[in-house]
Amino acid sequence: MACFTEEGETVGAIFMLQISTFFLQRMAYLSIFNCEDIEQTLEKVLLKGGKVVIPKTKIEADDKGWFAVFTDSEGNRIGVYAEKNNR
């Protein structure tokens, strides 16, 4: 995983996923961006024709915050992250 930082704060990340099924095996990347409010972000995604793939989910490890994954109107998967203070 690689993190994008700005002025010492993490503002996004990207990591590689292994996708494996009986018919398909390929590598994929998921870009993850910080946001203030995941629920509000997902509402905007739906209004613009995207779909929620993984709803707002608490990151249990070290109580890090929240994440969600959605697809945009072109089918690209994108993740969003909010720190634990930004519920």
Protein backbone atom coordinates (compact mmCIF):
# COMPACT_ATOMS: atom_id res chain seq x y z
CA MET A 1 0.00 0.00 0.00
CA ALA A 2 1.19 3.52 -0.75
CA CYS A 3 -0.13 6.62 0.99
CA PHE A 4 -0.43 10.10 -0.43
CA THR A 5 0.46 12.81 2.06
CA GLU A 6 0.01 16.56 2.11
CA GLU A 7 1.57 18.72 4.79
CA GLY A 8 2.29 15.64 6.90
CA GLU A 9 -1.26 14.22 6.75
CA THR A 10 -2.39 11.20 4.75
CA VAL A 11 -4.93 12.33 2.14
CA GLY A 12 -5.25 9.12 0.14
CA ALA A 13 -3.83 5.69 -0.57
CA ILE A 14 -3.58 3.04 -3.24
CA PHE A 15 -3.02 -0.69 -2.94
CA MET A 16 -3.03 -3.76 -5.14
CA LEU A 17 -5.74 -6.41 -4.88
CA GLN A 18 -5.55 -9.96 -6.15
CA ILE A 19 -8.82 -10.84 -7.85
CA SER A 20 -9.22 -14.55 -8.37
CA THR A 21 -12.20 -16.54 -9.58
CA PHE A 22 -12.57 -19.74 -11.55
CA PHE A 23 -12.85 -17.80 -14.82
CA LEU A 24 -10.79 -14.70 -14.07
CA GLN A 25 -7.49 -14.01 -12.39
CA ARG A 26 -5.99 -10.54 -12.63
CA MET A 27 -4.41 -7.80 -10.58
CA ALA A 28 -6.30 -4.62 -9.81
CA TYR A 29 -5.65 -1.35 -8.02
CA LEU A 30 -7.97 0.49 -5.69
CA SER A 31 -7.47 4.21 -5.15
CA ILE A 32 -8.66 5.42 -1.76
CA PHE A 33 -9.33 9.07 -0.92
CA ASN A 34 -9.96 10.85 2.36
CA CYS A 35 -13.34 12.47 2.84
CA GLU A 36 -15.03 14.34 5.66
CA ASP A 37 -18.32 12.41 5.61
CA ILE A 38 -18.60 8.97 3.97
CA GLU A 39 -22.40 8.90 4.04
CA GLN A 40 -22.64 12.27 2.29
CA THR A 41 -20.01 11.17 -0.26
CA LEU A 42 -21.93 7.95 -1.03
CA GLU A 43 -25.17 9.93 -1.48
CA LYS A 44 -23.41 12.06 -4.12
CA VAL A 45 -22.06 8.91 -5.80
CA LEU A 46 -25.57 7.49 -6.11
CA LEU A 47 -26.94 10.78 -7.48
CA LYS A 48 -24.24 10.77 -10.17
CA GLY A 49 -24.98 7.20 -11.33
CA GLY A 50 -22.46 5.28 -9.25
CA LYS A 51 -23.13 2.23 -7.08
CA VAL A 52 -22.04 1.37 -3.55
CA VAL A 53 -20.00 -1.86 -3.54
CA ILE A 54 -19.02 -1.92 0.15
CA PRO A 55 -21.13 0.31 2.42
CA LYS A 56 -19.66 2.43 5.21
CA THR A 57 -17.65 -0.03 7.31
CA LYS A 58 -15.77 0.51 10.55
CA ILE A 59 -12.08 -0.36 10.48
CA GLU A 60 -11.76 -2.45 13.62
CA ALA A 61 -7.94 -2.62 13.68
CA ASP A 62 -6.68 0.05 16.06
CA ASP A 63 -10.02 1.90 15.71
CA LYS A 64 -8.67 3.66 12.60
CA GLY A 65 -11.89 5.04 11.19
CA TRP A 66 -14.31 4.14 8.40
CA PHE A 67 -14.12 3.12 4.73
CA ALA A 68 -16.43 2.39 1.80
CA VAL A 69 -15.99 1.34 -1.82
CA PHE A 70 -18.10 2.42 -4.77
CA THR A 71 -18.08 2.24 -8.54
CA ASP A 72 -18.37 5.37 -10.61
CA SER A 73 -20.64 5.68 -13.65
CA GLU A 74 -17.90 4.04 -15.78
CA GLY A 75 -17.53 1.02 -13.47
CA ASN A 76 -14.21 2.03 -11.85
CA ARG A 77 -13.90 1.03 -8.19
CA ILE A 78 -12.89 3.80 -5.79
CA GLY A 79 -12.50 3.77 -2.03
CA VAL A 80 -13.14 6.51 0.50
CA TYR A 81 -11.79 6.78 4.03
CA ALA A 82 -12.74 8.94 6.99
CA GLU A 83 -10.79 9.14 10.23
CA LYS A 84 -12.52 7.99 13.39
CA ASN A 85 -13.30 11.60 14.32
CA ASN A 86 -15.19 12.08 11.03
CA ARG A 87 -18.08 9.65 11.41
